[in-house]
Amino acid sequence: MPRGGHNKKASRLKVLEGRPGAKVDTTPKTPPIFPHTPPRGLPKEARQFWKKYAPMLDRAGILRASDVAAFEALATTYATIKNAEKEVAERGLLVDGARGGLVKNPAISILNAARQQFRLLCSDFGLTPSARERLGGQVPPEEADPMESLLSGL
């Protein structure tokens, strides 16, 4: 006897599972509207990140207009990582402390926190291997994944 009610599985999930006879809603959907140009006021590195990755994610159908703030946070976090890396490269791991002697460069703590936040935000957008697997997305084997090179460079 067919089951109905609130526990009924969505048709799209049935299709993804490969069930025969699953009906798919073929009514045209409005295309995702996501700005490919970054919002004003973003740091230089964040604007570069936006211009490189927003179009790719938009073409994949991942981004929507409601994701602008979250993607802006991702781009800004990326800029924070780049600035903290630059600071550590310029000043080193240890800096002069206020009371004399050497102390850990505060940029290292900022860098570690930003990297952790970046990984969480990447997961929200399906930009990590495990997140893509959960979403069911796959990159064709002959095509290099630009996000893999980005994440491996951090």
N, C-alpha and C. Protein backbone atom coordinates (compact mmCIF):
# COMPACT_ATOMS: atom_id res chain seq x y z
N MET A 1 0.85 -1.17 0.00
CA MET A 1 0.00 0.00 0.00
C MET A 1 0.90 1.24 0.00
N PRO A 2 0.71 2.21 -0.94
CA PRO A 2 1.56 3.39 -0.99
C PRO A 2 1.42 4.24 0.25
N ARG A 3 2.51 4.82 0.58
CA ARG A 3 2.56 5.66 1.76
C ARG A 3 2.45 7.12 1.38
N GLY A 4 1.77 7.89 2.10
CA GLY A 4 1.65 9.33 1.86
C GLY A 4 1.97 10.07 3.14
N GLY A 5 1.71 11.33 3.13
CA GLY A 5 1.90 12.09 4.34
C GLY A 5 3.26 12.77 4.40
N HIS A 6 3.64 13.19 5.59
CA HIS A 6 4.84 14.00 5.75
C HIS A 6 6.14 13.22 5.61
N ASN A 7 6.12 11.91 5.65
CA ASN A 7 7.35 11.13 5.51
C ASN A 7 7.64 10.73 4.08
N LYS A 8 6.84 11.19 3.15
CA LYS A 8 7.00 10.82 1.75
C LYS A 8 8.32 11.42 1.22
N LYS A 9 9.08 10.62 0.49
CA LYS A 9 10.37 11.05 -0.03
C LYS A 9 10.18 11.92 -1.27
N ALA A 10 11.02 12.94 -1.41
CA ALA A 10 10.94 13.84 -2.55
C ALA A 10 11.26 13.10 -3.84
N SER A 11 10.61 13.49 -4.93
CA SER A 11 10.82 12.84 -6.23
C SER A 11 12.26 12.95 -6.69
N ARG A 12 12.89 14.10 -6.45
CA ARG A 12 14.27 14.28 -6.87
C ARG A 12 15.20 13.29 -6.18
N LEU A 13 14.92 12.98 -4.92
CA LEU A 13 15.74 11.99 -4.22
C LEU A 13 15.55 10.60 -4.80
N LYS A 14 14.32 10.29 -5.19
CA LYS A 14 14.05 8.99 -5.81
C LYS A 14 14.82 8.86 -7.13
N VAL A 15 14.85 9.93 -7.91
CA VAL A 15 15.58 9.91 -9.18
C VAL A 15 17.07 9.73 -8.93
N LEU A 16 17.61 10.44 -7.95
CA LEU A 16 19.04 10.32 -7.63
C LEU A 16 19.38 8.91 -7.17
N GLU A 17 18.44 8.25 -6.51
CA GLU A 17 18.67 6.88 -6.05
C GLU A 17 18.55 5.88 -7.20
N GLY A 18 18.06 6.34 -8.36
CA GLY A 18 17.95 5.46 -9.51
C GLY A 18 16.70 4.61 -9.52
N ARG A 19 15.68 5.03 -8.82
CA ARG A 19 14.43 4.26 -8.80
C ARG A 19 13.71 4.38 -10.13
N PRO A 20 13.30 3.26 -10.70
CA PRO A 20 12.55 3.34 -11.96
C PRO A 20 11.15 3.89 -11.70
N GLY A 21 10.65 4.66 -12.65
CA GLY A 21 9.30 5.19 -12.55
C GLY A 21 9.17 6.42 -11.67
N ALA A 22 10.29 6.95 -11.17
CA ALA A 22 10.21 8.15 -10.35
C ALA A 22 9.84 9.33 -11.23
N LYS A 23 8.88 10.10 -10.81
CA LYS A 23 8.43 11.24 -11.59
C LYS A 23 9.22 12.47 -11.18
N VAL A 24 9.60 13.22 -12.19
CA VAL A 24 10.38 14.43 -11.95
C VAL A 24 9.58 15.64 -12.39
N ASP A 25 9.62 16.67 -11.59
CA ASP A 25 8.94 17.91 -11.94
C ASP A 25 9.75 18.59 -13.05
N THR A 26 9.17 18.69 -14.24
CA THR A 26 9.88 19.27 -15.37
C THR A 26 9.45 20.69 -15.67
N THR A 27 8.69 21.30 -14.78
CA THR A 27 8.30 22.69 -15.01
C THR A 27 9.54 23.56 -14.97
N PRO A 28 9.62 24.55 -15.86
CA PRO A 28 10.83 25.38 -15.89
C PRO A 28 10.99 26.16 -14.60
N LYS A 29 12.20 26.18 -14.13
CA LYS A 29 12.54 26.92 -12.92
C LYS A 29 13.22 28.22 -13.32
N THR A 30 13.08 29.22 -12.47
CA THR A 30 13.79 30.45 -12.76
C THR A 30 15.27 30.22 -12.53
N PRO A 31 16.11 30.76 -13.39
CA PRO A 31 17.54 30.54 -13.23
C PRO A 31 18.06 31.21 -11.97
N PRO A 32 19.10 30.66 -11.38
CA PRO A 32 19.66 31.30 -10.20
C PRO A 32 20.22 32.67 -10.56
N ILE A 33 19.97 33.62 -9.71
CA ILE A 33 20.47 34.97 -9.95
C ILE A 33 21.53 35.24 -8.89
N PHE A 34 22.76 35.22 -9.31
CA PHE A 34 23.86 35.47 -8.39
C PHE A 34 24.82 36.44 -9.06
N PRO A 35 25.18 37.52 -8.39
CA PRO A 35 26.06 38.51 -9.02
C PRO A 35 27.48 37.97 -9.21
N HIS A 36 27.98 38.06 -10.42
CA HIS A 36 29.35 37.63 -10.69
C HIS A 36 30.35 38.71 -10.31
N THR A 37 29.86 39.93 -10.12
CA THR A 37 30.75 41.00 -9.66
C THR A 37 30.62 41.11 -8.15
N PRO A 38 31.74 41.21 -7.46
CA PRO A 38 31.70 41.25 -5.99
C PRO A 38 31.10 42.55 -5.47
N PRO A 39 30.52 42.49 -4.28
CA PRO A 39 29.98 43.71 -3.67
C PRO A 39 31.09 44.72 -3.38
N ARG A 40 30.71 45.97 -3.30
CA ARG A 40 31.69 47.02 -2.99
C ARG A 40 32.22 46.85 -1.57
N GLY A 41 33.45 47.25 -1.39
CA GLY A 41 34.04 47.24 -0.06
C GLY A 41 34.79 45.98 0.30
N LEU A 42 34.79 44.99 -0.57
CA LEU A 42 35.55 43.78 -0.27
C LEU A 42 37.04 44.02 -0.46
N PRO A 43 37.88 43.40 0.35
CA PRO A 43 39.32 43.52 0.14
C PRO A 43 39.73 42.94 -1.22
N LYS A 44 40.90 43.31 -1.68
CA LYS A 44 41.38 42.90 -3.01
C LYS A 44 41.36 41.38 -3.18
N GLU A 45 41.88 40.64 -2.21
CA GLU A 45 41.94 39.19 -2.30
C GLU A 45 40.54 38.57 -2.34
N ALA A 46 39.61 39.17 -1.60
CA ALA A 46 38.23 38.68 -1.58
C ALA A 46 37.57 38.91 -2.94
N ARG A 47 37.84 40.08 -3.56
CA ARG A 47 37.30 40.34 -4.89
C ARG A 47 37.85 39.35 -5.90
N GLN A 48 39.14 39.04 -5.83
CA GLN A 48 39.74 38.06 -6.74
C GLN A 48 39.11 36.69 -6.55
N PHE A 49 38.91 36.29 -5.30
CA PHE A 49 38.26 35.01 -5.00
C PHE A 49 36.87 34.97 -5.59
N TRP A 50 36.11 36.04 -5.39
CA TRP A 50 34.74 36.13 -5.89
C TRP A 50 34.72 35.98 -7.40
N LYS A 51 35.57 36.74 -8.10
CA LYS A 51 35.56 36.73 -9.56
C LYS A 51 35.96 35.37 -10.13
N LYS A 52 36.77 34.64 -9.39
CA LYS A 52 37.24 33.34 -9.87
C LYS A 52 36.22 32.23 -9.59
N TYR A 53 35.64 32.20 -8.39
CA TYR A 53 34.83 31.06 -7.98
C TYR A 53 33.32 31.26 -8.07
N ALA A 54 32.84 32.49 -7.97
CA ALA A 54 31.39 32.71 -8.05
C ALA A 54 30.80 32.26 -9.39
N PRO A 55 31.42 32.60 -10.52
CA PRO A 55 30.84 32.13 -11.79
C PRO A 55 30.81 30.60 -11.90
N MET A 56 31.86 29.96 -11.41
CA MET A 56 31.93 28.50 -11.47
C MET A 56 30.81 27.87 -10.63
N LEU A 57 30.62 28.36 -9.42
CA LEU A 57 29.57 27.81 -8.55
C LEU A 57 28.18 28.18 -9.05
N ASP A 58 28.06 29.33 -9.67
CA ASP A 58 26.78 29.73 -10.23
C ASP A 58 26.40 28.82 -11.39
N ARG A 59 27.36 28.52 -12.27
CA ARG A 59 27.09 27.60 -13.39
C ARG A 59 26.70 26.21 -12.89
N ALA A 60 27.27 25.81 -11.75
CA ALA A 60 26.95 24.50 -11.19
C ALA A 60 25.58 24.49 -10.51
N GLY A 61 24.95 25.67 -10.39
CA GLY A 61 23.63 25.74 -9.79
C GLY A 61 23.65 25.72 -8.27
N ILE A 62 24.80 26.00 -7.68
CA ILE A 62 24.93 25.94 -6.23
C ILE A 62 24.52 27.27 -5.59
N LEU A 63 24.84 28.37 -6.23
CA LEU A 63 24.60 29.69 -5.64
C LEU A 63 23.25 30.25 -6.06
N ARG A 64 22.62 30.93 -5.13
CA ARG A 64 21.37 31.65 -5.36
C ARG A 64 21.56 33.07 -4.82
N ALA A 65 20.62 33.94 -5.15
CA ALA A 65 20.72 35.32 -4.69
C ALA A 65 20.75 35.39 -3.16
N SER A 66 20.12 34.46 -2.49
CA SER A 66 20.10 34.46 -1.03
C SER A 66 21.44 34.06 -0.42
N ASP A 67 22.37 33.59 -1.24
CA ASP A 67 23.68 33.16 -0.75
C ASP A 67 24.74 34.25 -0.78
N VAL A 68 24.37 35.45 -1.18
CA VAL A 68 25.35 36.52 -1.34
C VAL A 68 26.10 36.78 -0.04
N ALA A 69 25.40 36.90 1.06
CA ALA A 69 26.06 37.21 2.34
C ALA A 69 26.99 36.09 2.77
N ALA A 70 26.56 34.85 2.63
CA ALA A 70 27.42 33.72 3.03
C ALA A 70 28.64 33.62 2.12
N PHE A 71 28.46 33.85 0.82
CA PHE A 71 29.60 33.78 -0.09
C PHE A 71 30.54 34.95 0.15
N GLU A 72 29.99 36.09 0.53
CA GLU A 72 30.82 37.24 0.89
C GLU A 72 31.66 36.92 2.12
N ALA A 73 31.08 36.22 3.09
CA ALA A 73 31.84 35.80 4.27
C ALA A 73 32.96 34.83 3.87
N LEU A 74 32.68 33.94 2.94
CA LEU A 74 33.70 33.01 2.45
C LEU A 74 34.84 33.76 1.78
N ALA A 75 34.52 34.71 0.92
CA ALA A 75 35.55 35.48 0.22
C ALA A 75 36.36 36.34 1.20
N THR A 76 35.69 36.94 2.17
CA THR A 76 36.38 37.76 3.16
C THR A 76 37.29 36.91 4.04
N THR A 77 36.85 35.72 4.38
CA THR A 77 37.68 34.81 5.17
C THR A 77 38.91 34.41 4.38
N TYR A 78 38.75 34.20 3.08
CA TYR A 78 39.89 33.89 2.22
C TYR A 78 40.89 35.05 2.24
N ALA A 79 40.39 36.29 2.16
CA ALA A 79 41.26 37.46 2.20
C ALA A 79 41.99 37.56 3.54
N THR A 80 41.30 37.22 4.63
CA THR A 80 41.93 37.24 5.95
C THR A 80 43.07 36.23 6.01
N ILE A 81 42.86 35.06 5.43
CA ILE A 81 43.91 34.04 5.39
C ILE A 81 45.13 34.56 4.64
N LYS A 82 44.90 35.14 3.48
CA LYS A 82 46.01 35.64 2.67
C LYS A 82 46.76 36.75 3.40
N ASN A 83 46.04 37.67 4.06
CA ASN A 83 46.70 38.75 4.79
C ASN A 83 47.49 38.22 5.99
N ALA A 84 46.94 37.25 6.70
CA ALA A 84 47.63 36.68 7.85
C ALA A 84 48.87 35.91 7.39
N GLU A 85 48.77 35.20 6.27
CA GLU A 85 49.94 34.49 5.74
C GLU A 85 51.04 35.48 5.36
N LYS A 86 50.65 36.60 4.77
CA LYS A 86 51.61 37.64 4.39
C LYS A 86 52.28 38.21 5.63
N GLU A 87 51.51 38.46 6.68
CA GLU A 87 52.04 39.00 7.94
C GLU A 87 53.04 38.04 8.56
N VAL A 88 52.72 36.75 8.60
CA VAL A 88 53.62 35.75 9.17
C VAL A 88 54.89 35.66 8.32
N ALA A 89 54.75 35.73 7.00
CA ALA A 89 55.92 35.66 6.13
C ALA A 89 56.84 36.86 6.33
N GLU A 90 56.27 38.04 6.57
CA GLU A 90 57.06 39.26 6.74
C GLU A 90 57.72 39.33 8.12
N ARG A 91 56.96 39.03 9.17
CA ARG A 91 57.46 39.22 10.53
C ARG A 91 57.99 37.95 11.17
N GLY A 92 57.61 36.80 10.66
CA GLY A 92 58.08 35.53 11.20
C GLY A 92 57.12 34.95 12.23
N LEU A 93 57.49 33.77 12.71
CA LEU A 93 56.65 33.08 13.68
C LEU A 93 56.70 33.72 15.06
N LEU A 94 57.83 34.30 15.40
CA LEU A 94 58.00 34.94 16.70
C LEU A 94 58.25 36.43 16.50
N VAL A 95 57.64 37.24 17.39
CA VAL A 95 57.81 38.69 17.34
C VAL A 95 58.20 39.17 18.74
N ASP A 96 58.70 40.40 18.82
CA ASP A 96 59.05 40.98 20.12
C ASP A 96 57.79 41.22 20.93
N GLY A 97 57.82 40.79 22.19
CA GLY A 97 56.68 40.97 23.07
C GLY A 97 56.70 42.33 23.73
N ALA A 98 55.59 42.74 24.33
CA ALA A 98 55.48 44.04 25.00
C ALA A 98 56.39 44.12 26.22
N ARG A 99 56.63 42.98 26.87
CA ARG A 99 57.47 42.97 28.07
C ARG A 99 58.88 42.49 27.77
N GLY A 100 59.23 42.48 26.52
CA GLY A 100 60.54 41.99 26.12
C GLY A 100 60.49 40.51 25.82
N GLY A 101 61.46 40.03 25.12
CA GLY A 101 61.49 38.62 24.75
C GLY A 101 60.63 38.36 23.52
N LEU A 102 60.65 37.14 23.09
CA LEU A 102 59.90 36.76 21.91
C LEU A 102 58.58 36.08 22.29
N VAL A 103 57.54 36.36 21.51
CA VAL A 103 56.24 35.73 21.69
C VAL A 103 55.74 35.28 20.32
N LYS A 104 54.77 34.39 20.36
CA LYS A 104 54.18 33.91 19.11
C LYS A 104 53.49 35.07 18.39
N ASN A 105 53.70 35.13 17.10
CA ASN A 105 53.08 36.17 16.28
C ASN A 105 51.55 36.02 16.37
N PRO A 106 50.83 37.08 16.76
CA PRO A 106 49.37 37.00 16.87
C PRO A 106 48.69 36.65 15.54
N ALA A 107 49.35 36.91 14.43
CA ALA A 107 48.78 36.59 13.12
C ALA A 107 48.60 35.08 12.94
N ILE A 108 49.37 34.29 13.67
CA ILE A 108 49.25 32.83 13.58
C ILE A 108 47.89 32.39 14.13
N SER A 109 47.47 32.96 15.24
CA SER A 109 46.15 32.63 15.80
C SER A 109 45.04 33.06 14.86
N ILE A 110 45.18 34.24 14.26
CA ILE A 110 44.20 34.74 13.30
C ILE A 110 44.15 33.81 12.09
N LEU A 111 45.32 33.39 11.62
CA LEU A 111 45.40 32.50 10.47
C LEU A 111 44.72 31.16 10.75
N ASN A 112 45.00 30.59 11.90
CA ASN A 112 44.39 29.30 12.23
C ASN A 112 42.87 29.39 12.35
N ALA A 113 42.37 30.45 12.98
CA ALA A 113 40.92 30.62 13.12
C ALA A 113 40.27 30.85 11.75
N ALA A 114 40.92 31.64 10.90
CA ALA A 114 40.36 31.91 9.57
C ALA A 114 40.35 30.64 8.71
N ARG A 115 41.38 29.83 8.81
CA ARG A 115 41.42 28.58 8.05
C ARG A 115 40.29 27.64 8.49
N GLN A 116 40.06 27.58 9.79
CA GLN A 116 38.99 26.72 10.29
C GLN A 116 37.63 27.23 9.79
N GLN A 117 37.42 28.53 9.85
CA GLN A 117 36.17 29.11 9.37
C GLN A 117 36.02 28.89 7.87
N PHE A 118 37.11 29.01 7.12
CA PHE A 118 37.08 28.81 5.67
C PHE A 118 36.65 27.39 5.33
N ARG A 119 37.18 26.42 6.05
CA ARG A 119 36.80 25.02 5.79
C ARG A 119 35.31 24.80 6.07
N LEU A 120 34.80 25.39 7.13
CA LEU A 120 33.38 25.25 7.44
C LEU A 120 32.51 25.88 6.35
N LEU A 121 32.89 27.07 5.92
CA LEU A 121 32.11 27.74 4.87
C LEU A 121 32.22 26.99 3.54
N CYS A 122 33.40 26.46 3.23
CA CYS A 122 33.55 25.67 2.01
C CYS A 122 32.63 24.45 2.05
N SER A 123 32.51 23.85 3.20
CA SER A 123 31.64 22.69 3.34
C SER A 123 30.18 23.08 3.09
N ASP A 124 29.78 24.26 3.53
CA ASP A 124 28.42 24.73 3.30
C ASP A 124 28.10 24.87 1.82
N PHE A 125 29.11 25.23 1.03
CA PHE A 125 28.91 25.41 -0.41
C PHE A 125 29.25 24.17 -1.22
N GLY A 126 29.57 23.06 -0.54
CA GLY A 126 29.90 21.84 -1.25
C GLY A 126 31.26 21.89 -1.90
N LEU A 127 32.20 22.63 -1.31
CA LEU A 127 33.51 22.83 -1.91
C LEU A 127 34.59 21.93 -1.34
N THR A 128 34.21 20.98 -0.52
CA THR A 128 35.18 20.00 -0.03
C THR A 128 34.79 18.63 -0.58
N PRO A 129 35.73 17.71 -0.67
CA PRO A 129 35.39 16.39 -1.22
C PRO A 129 34.25 15.70 -0.47
N SER A 130 34.27 15.76 0.85
CA SER A 130 33.20 15.09 1.60
C SER A 130 31.86 15.79 1.42
N ALA A 131 31.86 17.11 1.32
CA ALA A 131 30.60 17.84 1.11
C ALA A 131 30.05 17.54 -0.28
N ARG A 132 30.92 17.45 -1.28
CA ARG A 132 30.45 17.10 -2.63
C ARG A 132 29.85 15.71 -2.65
N GLU A 133 30.46 14.80 -1.91
CA GLU A 133 29.94 13.43 -1.86
C GLU A 133 28.56 13.41 -1.22
N ARG A 134 28.36 14.20 -0.16
CA ARG A 134 27.05 14.27 0.48
C ARG A 134 26.01 14.85 -0.47
N LEU A 135 26.43 15.82 -1.29
CA LEU A 135 25.51 16.45 -2.23
C LEU A 135 25.31 15.62 -3.49
N GLY A 136 26.17 14.62 -3.68
CA GLY A 136 26.06 13.76 -4.85
C GLY A 136 26.73 14.33 -6.07
N GLY A 137 27.46 15.44 -5.92
CA GLY A 137 28.15 16.04 -7.06
C GLY A 137 29.49 15.39 -7.29
N GLN A 138 29.87 15.30 -8.55
CA GLN A 138 31.15 14.72 -8.89
C GLN A 138 31.78 15.54 -9.98
N VAL A 139 33.12 15.59 -9.95
CA VAL A 139 33.86 16.27 -10.99
C VAL A 139 34.30 15.21 -11.99
N PRO A 140 34.12 15.44 -13.28
CA PRO A 140 34.56 14.46 -14.26
C PRO A 140 36.06 14.20 -14.11
N PRO A 141 36.51 12.94 -14.25
CA PRO A 141 37.90 12.62 -14.00
C PRO A 141 38.89 13.34 -14.90
N GLU A 142 38.48 13.68 -16.14
CA GLU A 142 39.42 14.34 -17.04
C GLU A 142 39.55 15.83 -16.76
N GLU A 143 38.71 16.36 -15.90
CA GLU A 143 38.69 17.78 -15.62
C GLU A 143 39.28 18.04 -14.23
N ALA A 144 40.28 18.90 -14.16
CA ALA A 144 40.89 19.23 -12.87
C ALA A 144 39.93 20.11 -12.08
N ASP A 145 39.83 19.87 -10.79
CA ASP A 145 38.95 20.63 -9.93
C ASP A 145 39.71 21.83 -9.37
N PRO A 146 39.32 23.07 -9.72
CA PRO A 146 40.04 24.25 -9.23
C PRO A 146 39.94 24.42 -7.72
N MET A 147 38.84 23.93 -7.10
CA MET A 147 38.72 24.07 -5.65
C MET A 147 39.72 23.17 -4.92
N GLU A 148 40.04 22.03 -5.53
CA GLU A 148 41.04 21.15 -4.92
C GLU A 148 42.38 21.86 -4.82
N SER A 149 42.78 22.56 -5.89
CA SER A 149 44.05 23.27 -5.85
C SER A 149 44.00 24.41 -4.86
N LEU A 150 42.85 25.07 -4.73
CA LEU A 150 42.71 26.16 -3.76
C LEU A 150 42.85 25.64 -2.34
N LEU A 151 42.11 24.55 -2.03
CA LEU A 151 42.13 24.03 -0.66
C LEU A 151 43.47 23.39 -0.32
N SER A 152 44.14 22.79 -1.28
CA SER A 152 45.43 22.17 -0.99
C SER A 152 46.51 23.22 -0.81
N GLY A 153 46.28 24.44 -1.32
CA GLY A 153 47.27 25.51 -1.18
C GLY A 153 47.19 26.22 0.15
N LEU A 154 46.17 25.93 0.96
CA LEU A 154 46.03 26.62 2.26
C LEU A 154 46.82 25.95 3.33
